[in-house]
Amino acid sequence: YGSHSRAARFEDTVDYAEYIQNMSKLSPDVKTGFGSRIKVFDDLLLVGAPLFDGYVAYNTLSIFHNFSPRGAVYAFTKHGSDFQPLDAVYGQGFTSGTISATSYSSLFDAALFGYDFDYNTTSQRLAVGEPLNNQIYTFTLASGTVSQLEESFGSAGSTQTNLGRDVSICNKTDVVSSPANNSNEIINLNTLQTFAFDTSL
């Protein structure tokens, strides 16, 4: 690894400063999971941080903190030979422009937003899974601009579990996933069509 350098670090993100500021009040168990999933699309680098605790970054932590790792996905764009921070999206569909201290409770509320995600360079659509809440969110994310929430797909009240543990964008806009309770199915969340396949082939 001596000839390689890191393309992106959590230290480069907008949320890092608050983590440092609140470090003395943090539980040693607080982690970000930064880099658990990495995908590169042309000059866009996307990095998942499914254990990111937004409560830490967006609250003063003046009282005891029960960490709530809802997750984040960070976007970096290439400038010359380096990647520079572009924007971030957060659990429950928040963006850098809409997230605030009121977005979080002090209760443990794991969601694993950013466990998996996909991006389409033509439609500039980012789909992010939040499997512990059976949700998938889509955002518009274009190089040089901030992200915008488009829509969310969920399976509340259904028999599907961990929807969003795998995410893919097909035909530029269609979002597909497979629920954990039936790994032989793929669901097109735009049309609600389910496709079965045989894993033994």
Protein backbone atom coordinates (compact mmCIF):
# COMPACT_ATOMS: atom_id res chain seq x y z
CA TYR A 1 0.00 0.00 0.00
CA GLY A 2 3.01 2.29 0.07
CA SER A 3 2.28 3.64 -3.40
CA HIS A 4 -1.38 4.40 -2.71
CA SER A 5 -3.04 7.34 -1.00
CA ARG A 6 -6.53 7.67 0.42
CA ALA A 7 -9.01 9.19 -2.00
CA ALA A 8 -11.50 10.20 0.69
CA ARG A 9 -11.59 10.38 4.46
CA PHE A 10 -14.34 10.95 6.99
CA GLU A 11 -12.13 13.80 8.23
CA ASP A 12 -12.88 15.61 4.95
CA THR A 13 -16.65 15.65 5.48
CA VAL A 14 -18.76 18.46 6.89
CA ASP A 15 -19.80 16.26 9.83
CA TYR A 16 -16.32 15.47 11.12
CA ALA A 17 -15.82 18.74 13.00
CA GLU A 18 -18.85 18.10 15.21
CA TYR A 19 -17.61 14.60 15.99
CA ILE A 20 -14.31 16.07 17.17
CA GLN A 21 -16.01 18.84 19.14
CA ASN A 22 -18.21 16.33 20.97
CA MET A 23 -15.56 13.65 21.34
CA SER A 24 -15.29 13.99 25.12
CA LYS A 25 -19.01 13.27 25.44
CA LEU A 26 -19.15 10.31 23.06
CA SER A 27 -19.49 6.68 23.90
CA PRO A 28 -16.43 4.72 22.69
CA ASP A 29 -18.87 2.54 20.77
CA VAL A 30 -19.86 5.36 18.41
CA LYS A 31 -18.59 4.61 14.92
CA THR A 32 -19.43 5.79 11.44
CA GLY A 33 -18.84 2.73 9.25
CA PHE A 34 -17.31 5.15 6.73
CA GLY A 35 -16.13 3.17 3.70
CA SER A 36 -18.21 0.06 4.31
CA ARG A 37 -19.53 0.49 0.75
CA ILE A 38 -17.66 2.41 -1.97
CA LYS A 39 -18.75 3.00 -5.56
CA VAL A 40 -17.18 5.14 -8.29
CA PHE A 41 -19.15 6.57 -11.21
CA ASP A 42 -16.95 8.59 -13.59
CA ASP A 43 -15.68 11.49 -11.43
CA LEU A 44 -18.18 10.84 -8.63
CA LEU A 45 -17.08 8.83 -5.59
CA LEU A 46 -19.84 7.64 -3.23
CA VAL A 47 -18.96 6.35 0.24
CA GLY A 48 -21.42 4.71 2.60
CA ALA A 49 -21.33 5.29 6.36
CA PRO A 50 -24.26 3.21 7.66
CA LEU A 51 -23.29 3.67 11.33
CA PHE A 52 -23.09 7.46 11.12
CA ASP A 53 -24.74 8.96 14.18
CA GLY A 54 -26.40 12.18 13.13
CA TYR A 55 -27.34 12.97 16.70
CA VAL A 56 -23.67 13.55 17.43
CA ALA A 57 -23.16 15.98 14.58
CA TYR A 58 -26.39 17.92 15.00
CA ASN A 59 -26.79 18.21 18.78
CA THR A 60 -24.72 19.71 21.58
CA LEU A 61 -24.81 16.51 23.65
CA SER A 62 -25.33 18.44 26.86
CA ILE A 63 -27.07 15.38 28.28
CA PHE A 64 -26.25 11.67 28.20
CA HIS A 65 -26.42 10.42 24.68
CA ASN A 66 -27.94 7.16 23.50
CA PHE A 67 -26.45 6.96 20.05
CA SER A 68 -28.77 6.51 17.08
CA PRO A 69 -26.77 5.36 14.04
CA ARG A 70 -29.07 6.07 11.16
CA GLY A 71 -26.37 6.37 8.50
CA ALA A 72 -25.19 8.60 5.67
CA VAL A 73 -23.78 8.49 2.15
CA TYR A 74 -21.06 10.97 1.24
CA ALA A 75 -20.34 12.16 -2.30
CA PHE A 76 -16.94 13.34 -3.50
CA THR A 77 -16.02 14.72 -6.92
CA LYS A 78 -12.66 14.48 -8.62
CA HIS A 79 -10.62 17.65 -9.02
CA GLY A 80 -7.33 16.89 -10.74
CA SER A 81 -5.89 13.88 -8.94
CA ASP A 82 -7.84 14.47 -5.70
CA PHE A 83 -11.41 13.89 -4.59
CA GLN A 84 -13.12 16.81 -2.86
CA PRO A 85 -16.29 16.61 -0.71
CA LEU A 86 -19.44 17.46 -2.66
CA ASP A 87 -22.44 16.69 -0.47
CA ALA A 88 -24.08 14.12 1.80
CA VAL A 89 -27.46 12.46 2.25
CA TYR A 90 -28.71 11.03 5.53
CA GLY A 91 -31.04 8.47 7.06
CA GLN A 92 -34.79 8.99 6.70
CA GLY A 93 -34.23 10.92 3.47
CA PHE A 94 -32.59 14.02 4.88
CA THR A 95 -30.13 16.04 2.82
CA SER A 96 -27.47 18.51 3.89
CA GLY A 97 -30.01 21.29 3.32
CA THR A 98 -32.81 19.77 5.40
CA ILE A 99 -31.09 17.99 8.28
CA SER A 100 -30.94 19.61 11.71
CA ALA A 101 -30.89 18.77 15.40
CA THR A 102 -34.65 18.29 15.35
CA SER A 103 -34.19 15.47 12.81
CA TYR A 104 -32.95 13.18 15.57
CA SER A 105 -34.20 11.77 18.80
CA SER A 106 -31.86 10.73 21.59
CA LEU A 107 -33.13 7.17 21.41
CA PHE A 108 -31.33 4.26 19.80
CA ASP A 109 -32.76 4.12 16.31
CA ALA A 110 -30.50 2.08 14.04
CA ALA A 111 -31.47 2.21 10.36
CA LEU A 112 -28.27 1.35 8.40
CA PHE A 113 -28.99 3.99 5.76
CA GLY A 114 -26.22 3.58 3.18
CA TYR A 115 -25.82 -0.17 3.69
CA ASP A 116 -26.19 -0.34 -0.09
CA PHE A 117 -26.80 2.26 -2.79
CA ASP A 118 -26.62 2.74 -6.55
CA TYR A 119 -26.30 5.70 -8.90
CA ASN A 120 -27.21 6.27 -12.53
CA THR A 121 -24.96 8.76 -14.32
CA THR A 122 -27.53 9.50 -17.05
CA SER A 123 -30.52 10.30 -14.83
CA GLN A 124 -28.24 11.52 -11.98
CA ARG A 125 -30.42 9.52 -9.61
CA LEU A 126 -29.03 8.10 -6.37
CA ALA A 127 -30.93 5.29 -4.62
CA VAL A 128 -30.01 4.47 -1.01
CA GLY A 129 -31.27 1.56 1.06
CA GLU A 130 -32.26 1.77 4.72
CA PRO A 131 -32.86 -1.93 5.43
CA LEU A 132 -33.70 -1.78 9.14
CA ASN A 133 -36.64 0.48 8.29
CA ASN A 134 -37.60 -1.34 5.07
CA GLN A 135 -37.03 1.86 3.09
CA ILE A 136 -35.26 3.01 -0.06
CA TYR A 137 -34.82 6.71 -0.83
CA THR A 138 -33.96 8.32 -4.15
CA PHE A 139 -32.15 11.61 -4.57
CA THR A 140 -31.10 13.81 -7.45
CA LEU A 141 -27.34 14.21 -7.13
CA ALA A 142 -25.47 16.04 -9.86
CA SER A 143 -21.83 17.05 -9.83
CA GLY A 144 -21.48 20.61 -8.57
CA THR A 145 -24.96 20.77 -7.04
CA VAL A 146 -26.51 19.81 -3.72
CA SER A 147 -28.68 16.73 -3.41
CA GLN A 148 -32.48 16.79 -3.49
CA LEU A 149 -34.81 14.10 -2.12
CA GLU A 150 -37.03 12.68 -4.87
CA GLU A 151 -39.13 9.96 -3.27
CA SER A 152 -39.11 7.05 -0.86
CA PHE A 153 -40.19 3.47 -1.23
CA GLY A 154 -41.23 1.43 1.76
CA SER A 155 -42.83 -1.82 2.75
CA ALA A 156 -44.63 -0.83 5.93
CA GLY A 157 -47.30 -3.36 6.79
CA SER A 158 -46.10 -5.91 4.27
CA THR A 159 -44.30 -9.21 4.74
CA GLN A 160 -41.07 -7.88 3.24
CA THR A 161 -38.09 -7.52 5.57
CA ASN A 162 -34.84 -5.62 5.16
CA LEU A 163 -35.94 -4.01 1.93
CA GLY A 164 -32.97 -1.94 0.81
CA ARG A 165 -30.25 -4.36 1.84
CA ASP A 166 -29.43 -4.40 -1.88
CA VAL A 167 -30.30 -1.61 -4.28
CA SER A 168 -29.94 -1.18 -8.03
CA ILE A 169 -31.14 1.35 -10.60
CA CYS A 170 -32.26 -0.07 -13.95
CA ASN A 171 -33.41 1.74 -17.09
CA LYS A 172 -32.03 5.02 -15.72
CA THR A 173 -34.82 5.46 -13.16
CA ASP A 174 -36.32 2.13 -12.02
CA VAL A 175 -35.23 1.11 -8.52
CA VAL A 176 -35.06 -2.61 -7.74
CA SER A 177 -34.29 -4.54 -4.58
CA SER A 178 -34.88 -7.93 -3.01
CA PRO A 179 -36.36 -8.47 0.45
CA ALA A 180 -34.38 -10.55 2.91
CA ASN A 181 -37.29 -12.87 3.59
CA ASN A 182 -37.36 -13.95 -0.06
CA SER A 183 -33.96 -13.85 -1.74
CA ASN A 184 -35.47 -15.40 -4.89
CA GLU A 185 -37.43 -12.25 -5.71
CA ILE A 186 -36.57 -8.87 -7.17
CA ILE A 187 -39.03 -6.03 -6.71
CA ASN A 188 -39.29 -3.11 -9.10
CA LEU A 189 -40.34 -0.37 -6.69
CA ASN A 190 -41.49 1.97 -9.45
CA THR A 191 -43.98 -0.50 -10.94
CA LEU A 192 -44.41 -2.77 -7.86
CA GLN A 193 -43.78 -5.77 -10.10
CA THR A 194 -42.09 -8.78 -8.53
CA PHE A 195 -39.79 -11.03 -10.50
CA ALA A 196 -38.88 -14.50 -9.30
CA PHE A 197 -35.70 -16.29 -10.27
CA ASP A 198 -34.14 -19.67 -9.66
CA THR A 199 -30.93 -19.49 -7.65
CA SER A 200 -30.06 -23.12 -8.45
CA LEU A 201 -29.32 -22.40 -12.12
